[in-house]
Each structure stands twice: as C-alpha cells, then as structure tokens.
C-alpha atoms as a PDB file:
ATOM      1  CA  MET A   1      -1.155  27.121 -64.104  1.00  0.00           C
ATOM      2  CA  GLN A   2       2.224  27.536 -63.398  1.00  0.00           C
ATOM      3  CA  GLN A   3       2.127  30.392 -61.754  1.00  0.00           C
ATOM      4  CA  ILE A   4      -0.284  28.832 -59.551  1.00  0.00           C
ATOM      5  CA  ILE A   5       2.215  25.681 -58.897  1.00  0.00           C
ATOM      6  CA  ASP A   6       5.300  27.867 -58.198  1.00  0.00           C
ATOM      7  CA  ASP A   7       3.105  30.141 -56.000  1.00  0.00           C
ATOM      8  CA  ILE A   8       1.911  26.910 -53.985  1.00  0.00           C
ATOM      9  CA  GLU A   9       5.765  25.624 -53.946  1.00  0.00           C
ATOM     10  CA  GLN A  10       7.167  28.718 -52.406  1.00  0.00           C
ATOM     11  CA  LEU A  11       3.673  28.942 -49.683  1.00  0.00           C
ATOM     12  CA  GLN A  12       4.922  25.070 -48.698  1.00  0.00           C
ATOM     13  CA  MET A  13       8.522  26.092 -47.969  1.00  0.00           C
ATOM     14  CA  LYS A  14       7.087  28.976 -46.162  1.00  0.00           C
ATOM     15  CA  VAL A  15       5.409  27.168 -43.967  1.00  0.00           C
ATOM     16  CA  ALA A  16       7.929  24.670 -43.632  1.00  0.00           C
ATOM     17  CA  PHE A  17      10.608  27.360 -42.501  1.00  0.00           C
ATOM     18  CA  GLN A  18       7.727  28.994 -39.821  1.00  0.00           C
ATOM     19  CA  GLU A  19       7.290  25.422 -38.493  1.00  0.00           C
ATOM     20  CA  ASP A  20      11.059  25.035 -38.353  1.00  0.00           C
ATOM     21  CA  THR A  21      11.525  28.523 -36.654  1.00  0.00           C
ATOM     22  CA  ILE A  22       8.421  27.434 -33.818  1.00  0.00           C
ATOM     23  CA  GLU A  23      10.316  24.358 -33.549  1.00  0.00           C
ATOM     24  CA  SER A  24      13.483  25.978 -32.835  1.00  0.00           C
ATOM     25  CA  LEU A  25      11.547  29.000 -30.239  1.00  0.00           C
ATOM     26  CA  ASN A  26       9.710  26.426 -28.959  1.00  0.00           C
ATOM     27  CA  LYS A  27      12.826  24.821 -28.074  1.00  0.00           C
ATOM     28  CA  ALA A  28      14.785  27.558 -26.642  1.00  0.00           C
ATOM     29  CA  LEU A  29      11.952  28.060 -24.321  1.00  0.00           C
ATOM     30  CA  ILE A  30      11.695  25.193 -22.848  1.00  0.00           C
ATOM     31  CA  ALA A  31      15.488  25.684 -22.387  1.00  0.00           C
ATOM     32  CA  GLN A  32      14.869  28.970 -21.054  1.00  0.00           C
ATOM     33  CA  GLN A  33      12.165  28.130 -18.562  1.00  0.00           C
ATOM     34  CA  LYS A  34      14.226  25.080 -17.310  1.00  0.00           C
ATOM     35  CA  GLN A  35      17.198  27.381 -16.476  1.00  0.00           C
ATOM     36  CA  LEU A  36      14.796  29.936 -14.786  1.00  0.00           C
ATOM     37  CA  GLU A  37      13.602  26.869 -12.068  1.00  0.00           C
ATOM     38  CA  ASP A  38      17.139  25.758 -11.482  1.00  0.00           C
ATOM     39  CA  LEU A  39      18.332  29.360 -10.512  1.00  0.00           C
ATOM     40  CA  GLN A  40      14.938  29.509  -8.571  1.00  0.00           C
ATOM     41  CA  PHE A  41      15.790  26.495  -6.778  1.00  0.00           C
ATOM     42  CA  SER A  42      19.635  27.290  -6.281  1.00  0.00           C
ATOM     43  CA  PHE A  43      18.281  31.066  -5.030  1.00  0.00           C
ATOM     44  CA  LYS A  44      15.746  29.226  -2.263  1.00  0.00           C
ATOM     45  CA  GLN A  45      18.818  27.141  -1.227  1.00  0.00           C
ATOM     46  CA  MET A  46      21.241  29.874  -0.973  1.00  0.00           C
ATOM     47  CA  ALA A  47      18.188  32.019   1.026  1.00  0.00           C
ATOM     48  CA  ASN A  48      17.305  28.923   3.256  1.00  0.00           C
ATOM     49  CA  LYS A  49      21.740  28.025   4.062  1.00  0.00           C
ATOM     50  CA  VAL A  50      22.231  32.054   4.847  1.00  0.00           C
ATOM     51  CA  ARG A  51      18.915  31.844   7.149  1.00  0.00           C
ATOM     52  CA  SER A  52      20.392  29.001   8.832  1.00  0.00           C
ATOM     53  CA  ILE A  53      23.893  29.931   9.292  1.00  0.00           C
ATOM     54  CA  GLU A  54      23.129  32.901  11.828  1.00  0.00           C
ATOM     55  CA  PRO A  55      20.283  34.231  13.188  1.00  0.00           C
ATOM     56  CA  SER A  56      20.882  38.202  13.545  1.00  0.00           C
ATOM     57  CA  ASN A  57      22.040  39.528  16.726  1.00  0.00           C
ATOM     58  CA  MET A  58      19.682  42.680  15.462  1.00  0.00           C
ATOM     59  CA  ALA A  59      16.976  42.966  18.475  1.00  0.00           C
ATOM     60  CA  GLU A  60      13.519  42.759  17.081  1.00  0.00           C
ATOM     61  CA  GLU A  61      11.147  46.296  17.200  1.00  0.00           C
ATOM     62  CA  HIS A  62       9.335  45.218  20.014  1.00  0.00           C
ATOM     63  CA  GLU A  63      12.413  43.659  21.763  1.00  0.00           C
ATOM     64  CA  GLU A  64      14.245  47.455  21.624  1.00  0.00           C
ATOM     65  CA  SER A  65      14.097  49.197  24.668  1.00  0.00           C
ATOM     66  CA  PRO A  66      13.124  53.182  23.721  1.00  0.00           C
ATOM     67  CA  PRO A  67      15.838  55.546  23.135  1.00  0.00           C
ATOM     68  CA  PRO A  68      17.336  57.563  26.787  1.00  0.00           C
ATOM     69  CA  HIS A  69      15.197  60.958  25.242  1.00  0.00           C
ATOM     70  CA  TYR A  70      11.686  59.542  25.993  1.00  0.00           C
END
C-alpha cells in the first residue's frame, strides 16, 4: 500500500513540475509573440519612411526608351 502512495505522490510531483514548465513556456511564447509584433510594426514604419523620403530617380520599365542599337 505504501508503494502505491509513493507512486501517487511521485506522479503528483511530476504533474506539478509539468504544469510549471508549461506555464513558463507559455509566458515565453507570449513574450516572443509580442516582440515579433513590435518588430513587424517597426519594420512597416521604417519601410514607409524610406518610401516617403524620396521617390526613385530610376525610370520605370515602360518609361525607358529602347537602347540605341534597336
């Protein structure tokens, strides 16, 4: 009977440890998701700033005249 009680206590400790591990992993995942969202937002902001700084001085393909050998 004592063996069964010891086994149950050991299983309870394992479950408690697993619950703690899952909670820690969940918190880490939430933090990484927030960081990813912040980085995506920053990237979009920078991309918009770069686009608005100065339009490209390169002509579009349809605006280019053909090379002289045509």
